[in-house]
Amino acid sequence: MDKFEYNCDLLKTTRESKKIAAHSIAVDICLAERQIKSLEENSLQYFPSQSIKYVALKKYIAALGLKIDDVIVNINQADPIPILLKKK
């Protein structure tokens, strides 16, 4: 799977502007604080695969109240979830 692109700076600035601690949002969406930091730094560290990182990123985007299209570049081409797992 190719690496997908997203605006990691928007994630961090949105979280900080809403005065939400990384630990707090991590608990809310069942992630570790280090995974939140990893998403904000566009790092694969602390994720076993790109697909798992992608799912965590989508949860984080929703928790921040952002639109997925505003964060992930070319969302229709970047989706790493195999076609067999998608609902028809």
N, C-alpha and C. Protein backbone atom coordinates (compact mmCIF):
# COMPACT_ATOMS: atom_id res chain seq x y z
N MET A 1 0.83 -1.18 0.00
CA MET A 1 0.00 0.00 0.00
C MET A 1 0.87 1.24 0.00
N ASP A 2 0.51 2.20 -0.82
CA ASP A 2 1.24 3.46 -0.85
C ASP A 2 0.88 4.29 0.37
N LYS A 3 1.80 5.13 0.75
CA LYS A 3 1.57 6.02 1.88
C LYS A 3 0.55 7.09 1.48
N PHE A 4 -0.44 7.31 2.31
CA PHE A 4 -1.43 8.33 2.01
C PHE A 4 -0.97 9.66 2.62
N GLU A 5 -1.44 10.75 2.03
CA GLU A 5 -1.04 12.08 2.48
C GLU A 5 -2.20 12.74 3.24
N TYR A 6 -1.82 13.45 4.30
CA TYR A 6 -2.83 14.20 5.04
C TYR A 6 -2.19 15.40 5.72
N ASN A 7 -3.02 16.35 6.12
CA ASN A 7 -2.57 17.59 6.73
C ASN A 7 -2.42 17.38 8.23
N CYS A 8 -1.24 16.95 8.65
CA CYS A 8 -1.02 16.66 10.07
C CYS A 8 -1.00 17.95 10.91
N ASP A 9 -0.58 19.06 10.30
CA ASP A 9 -0.56 20.33 11.03
C ASP A 9 -1.97 20.78 11.41
N LEU A 10 -2.94 20.54 10.52
CA LEU A 10 -4.33 20.90 10.80
C LEU A 10 -4.86 20.14 12.02
N LEU A 11 -4.47 18.88 12.15
CA LEU A 11 -4.91 18.09 13.30
C LEU A 11 -4.44 18.71 14.61
N LYS A 12 -3.15 19.00 14.68
CA LYS A 12 -2.59 19.54 15.92
C LYS A 12 -3.12 20.93 16.23
N THR A 13 -3.17 21.80 15.22
CA THR A 13 -3.65 23.17 15.48
C THR A 13 -5.12 23.18 15.88
N THR A 14 -5.91 22.30 15.28
CA THR A 14 -7.33 22.21 15.66
C THR A 14 -7.48 21.73 17.10
N ARG A 15 -6.73 20.68 17.45
CA ARG A 15 -6.80 20.16 18.83
C ARG A 15 -6.38 21.23 19.83
N GLU A 16 -5.29 21.92 19.53
CA GLU A 16 -4.79 22.95 20.46
C GLU A 16 -5.73 24.16 20.52
N SER A 17 -6.33 24.54 19.40
CA SER A 17 -7.25 25.69 19.41
C SER A 17 -8.52 25.39 20.21
N LYS A 18 -8.89 24.11 20.26
CA LYS A 18 -10.05 23.70 21.06
C LYS A 18 -9.66 23.40 22.50
N LYS A 19 -8.38 23.59 22.80
CA LYS A 19 -7.84 23.37 24.15
C LYS A 19 -8.12 21.95 24.66
N ILE A 20 -7.86 20.98 23.78
CA ILE A 20 -8.03 19.57 24.12
C ILE A 20 -6.65 18.96 24.31
N ALA A 21 -6.43 18.33 25.44
CA ALA A 21 -5.15 17.67 25.69
C ALA A 21 -5.07 16.40 24.84
N ALA A 22 -3.88 16.07 24.39
CA ALA A 22 -3.66 14.87 23.58
C ALA A 22 -4.13 13.63 24.34
N HIS A 23 -3.83 13.58 25.62
CA HIS A 23 -4.24 12.44 26.44
C HIS A 23 -5.76 12.31 26.50
N SER A 24 -6.44 13.43 26.64
CA SER A 24 -7.89 13.44 26.77
C SER A 24 -8.57 12.90 25.51
N ILE A 25 -8.16 13.38 24.35
CA ILE A 25 -8.79 12.91 23.11
C ILE A 25 -8.40 11.47 22.82
N ALA A 26 -7.20 11.09 23.23
CA ALA A 26 -6.77 9.71 23.04
C ALA A 26 -7.68 8.76 23.81
N VAL A 27 -7.98 9.11 25.04
CA VAL A 27 -8.88 8.28 25.86
C VAL A 27 -10.27 8.23 25.23
N ASP A 28 -10.74 9.36 24.73
CA ASP A 28 -12.07 9.43 24.13
C ASP A 28 -12.22 8.51 22.91
N ILE A 29 -11.16 8.35 22.13
CA ILE A 29 -11.27 7.54 20.91
C ILE A 29 -10.48 6.23 20.99
N CYS A 30 -10.15 5.84 22.21
CA CYS A 30 -9.51 4.54 22.48
C CYS A 30 -8.16 4.37 21.77
N LEU A 31 -7.34 5.40 21.84
CA LEU A 31 -5.97 5.34 21.33
C LEU A 31 -5.03 5.71 22.47
N ALA A 32 -3.75 5.48 22.26
CA ALA A 32 -2.74 5.93 23.21
C ALA A 32 -2.33 7.35 22.84
N GLU A 33 -1.90 8.10 23.84
CA GLU A 33 -1.45 9.48 23.59
C GLU A 33 -0.32 9.49 22.56
N ARG A 34 0.57 8.50 22.63
CA ARG A 34 1.68 8.46 21.68
C ARG A 34 1.18 8.25 20.25
N GLN A 35 0.03 7.59 20.08
CA GLN A 35 -0.54 7.42 18.75
C GLN A 35 -1.10 8.74 18.22
N ILE A 36 -1.68 9.53 19.10
CA ILE A 36 -2.16 10.87 18.72
C ILE A 36 -0.98 11.71 18.24
N LYS A 37 0.09 11.70 19.02
CA LYS A 37 1.29 12.45 18.64
C LYS A 37 1.85 11.95 17.31
N SER A 38 1.82 10.64 17.11
CA SER A 38 2.30 10.05 15.87
C SER A 38 1.46 10.53 14.68
N LEU A 39 0.15 10.60 14.84
CA LEU A 39 -0.72 11.11 13.78
C LEU A 39 -0.41 12.58 13.49
N GLU A 40 -0.17 13.36 14.53
CA GLU A 40 0.12 14.78 14.36
C GLU A 40 1.49 15.03 13.75
N GLU A 41 2.36 14.04 13.80
CA GLU A 41 3.69 14.16 13.21
C GLU A 41 3.81 13.39 11.90
N ASN A 42 2.71 12.81 11.44
CA ASN A 42 2.67 12.00 10.22
C ASN A 42 3.72 10.89 10.25
N SER A 43 3.72 10.17 11.35
CA SER A 43 4.66 9.08 11.55
C SER A 43 3.90 7.76 11.63
N LEU A 44 4.51 6.70 11.15
CA LEU A 44 3.90 5.37 11.26
C LEU A 44 4.23 4.72 12.60
N GLN A 45 5.12 5.35 13.34
CA GLN A 45 5.52 4.79 14.64
C GLN A 45 4.28 4.62 15.52
N TYR A 46 4.24 3.53 16.25
CA TYR A 46 3.16 3.15 17.17
C TYR A 46 1.91 2.60 16.47
N PHE A 47 2.00 2.38 15.15
CA PHE A 47 0.93 1.72 14.41
C PHE A 47 1.51 0.51 13.71
N PRO A 48 0.87 -0.66 13.82
CA PRO A 48 1.43 -1.86 13.20
C PRO A 48 1.32 -1.87 11.67
N SER A 49 0.43 -1.05 11.11
CA SER A 49 0.29 -1.00 9.66
C SER A 49 -0.33 0.34 9.24
N GLN A 50 -0.21 0.63 7.93
CA GLN A 50 -0.81 1.85 7.39
C GLN A 50 -2.33 1.79 7.51
N SER A 51 -2.91 0.63 7.32
CA SER A 51 -4.37 0.50 7.38
C SER A 51 -4.90 0.84 8.77
N ILE A 52 -4.21 0.38 9.80
CA ILE A 52 -4.62 0.68 11.17
C ILE A 52 -4.43 2.17 11.47
N LYS A 53 -3.35 2.74 10.97
CA LYS A 53 -3.13 4.18 11.14
C LYS A 53 -4.24 4.95 10.45
N TYR A 54 -4.65 4.52 9.27
CA TYR A 54 -5.70 5.18 8.52
C TYR A 54 -7.02 5.19 9.29
N VAL A 55 -7.37 4.07 9.87
CA VAL A 55 -8.61 3.98 10.66
C VAL A 55 -8.53 4.90 11.88
N ALA A 56 -7.38 4.91 12.56
CA ALA A 56 -7.19 5.80 13.71
C ALA A 56 -7.28 7.26 13.28
N LEU A 57 -6.70 7.58 12.13
CA LEU A 57 -6.76 8.94 11.61
C LEU A 57 -8.20 9.38 11.36
N LYS A 58 -9.00 8.50 10.77
CA LYS A 58 -10.40 8.83 10.52
C LYS A 58 -11.15 9.07 11.83
N LYS A 59 -10.88 8.26 12.85
CA LYS A 59 -11.50 8.47 14.16
C LYS A 59 -11.09 9.81 14.75
N TYR A 60 -9.82 10.14 14.61
CA TYR A 60 -9.29 11.40 15.16
C TYR A 60 -9.90 12.60 14.44
N ILE A 61 -10.00 12.52 13.12
CA ILE A 61 -10.61 13.60 12.34
C ILE A 61 -12.05 13.84 12.80
N ALA A 62 -12.81 12.77 12.96
CA ALA A 62 -14.20 12.87 13.41
C ALA A 62 -14.29 13.46 14.82
N ALA A 63 -13.41 13.03 15.71
CA ALA A 63 -13.43 13.52 17.09
C ALA A 63 -13.12 15.02 17.16
N LEU A 64 -12.32 15.50 16.21
CA LEU A 64 -12.00 16.93 16.18
C LEU A 64 -13.08 17.76 15.48
N GLY A 65 -14.03 17.07 14.86
CA GLY A 65 -15.11 17.77 14.15
C GLY A 65 -14.69 18.31 12.79
N LEU A 66 -13.65 17.72 12.22
CA LEU A 66 -13.17 18.15 10.91
C LEU A 66 -13.80 17.31 9.81
N LYS A 67 -13.76 17.82 8.59
CA LYS A 67 -14.21 17.06 7.44
C LYS A 67 -13.04 16.25 6.91
N ILE A 68 -13.29 15.00 6.61
CA ILE A 68 -12.22 14.11 6.15
C ILE A 68 -11.57 14.65 4.87
N ASP A 69 -12.36 15.27 4.00
CA ASP A 69 -11.84 15.82 2.75
C ASP A 69 -10.88 16.99 2.98
N ASP A 70 -11.04 17.68 4.11
CA ASP A 70 -10.16 18.81 4.43
C ASP A 70 -8.81 18.35 4.97
N VAL A 71 -8.74 17.10 5.41
CA VAL A 71 -7.52 16.61 6.05
C VAL A 71 -6.75 15.64 5.14
N ILE A 72 -7.44 14.67 4.58
CA ILE A 72 -6.77 13.66 3.75
C ILE A 72 -6.78 14.10 2.29
N VAL A 73 -5.61 14.11 1.69
CA VAL A 73 -5.45 14.51 0.29
C VAL A 73 -5.90 13.36 -0.61
N ASN A 74 -6.72 13.67 -1.60
CA ASN A 74 -7.21 12.66 -2.55
C ASN A 74 -7.80 11.45 -1.83
N ILE A 75 -8.78 11.68 -1.00
CA ILE A 75 -9.36 10.64 -0.16
C ILE A 75 -9.82 9.43 -0.96
N ASN A 76 -10.37 9.62 -2.13
CA ASN A 76 -10.87 8.48 -2.92
C ASN A 76 -9.75 7.59 -3.44
N GLN A 77 -8.59 8.16 -3.65
CA GLN A 77 -7.45 7.39 -4.14
C GLN A 77 -6.60 6.86 -3.00
N ALA A 78 -6.68 7.47 -1.84
CA ALA A 78 -5.80 7.14 -0.73
C ALA A 78 -6.32 6.02 0.16
N ASP A 79 -7.60 5.73 0.09
CA ASP A 79 -8.22 4.78 1.01
C ASP A 79 -7.51 3.41 0.94
N PRO A 80 -6.79 3.03 2.01
CA PRO A 80 -6.02 1.79 1.98
C PRO A 80 -6.80 0.55 2.40
N ILE A 81 -8.06 0.70 2.73
CA ILE A 81 -8.83 -0.45 3.18
C ILE A 81 -9.18 -1.29 1.95
N PRO A 82 -8.79 -2.55 1.97
CA PRO A 82 -9.02 -3.41 0.79
C PRO A 82 -10.47 -3.43 0.37
N ILE A 83 -10.69 -3.48 -0.91
CA ILE A 83 -12.02 -3.45 -1.49
C ILE A 83 -12.91 -4.57 -0.95
N LEU A 84 -12.32 -5.70 -0.59
CA LEU A 84 -13.12 -6.81 -0.07
C LEU A 84 -13.71 -6.52 1.30
N LEU A 85 -13.13 -5.59 2.03
CA LEU A 85 -13.63 -5.26 3.36
C LEU A 85 -14.70 -4.17 3.35
N LYS A 86 -14.86 -3.50 2.22
CA LYS A 86 -15.83 -2.41 2.14
C LYS A 86 -17.23 -2.97 1.93
N LYS A 87 -18.19 -2.27 2.54
CA LYS A 87 -19.59 -2.65 2.35
C LYS A 87 -20.03 -2.29 0.95
N LYS A 88 -20.87 -3.10 0.39
CA LYS A 88 -21.39 -2.82 -0.96
C LYS A 88 -22.69 -2.07 -0.87
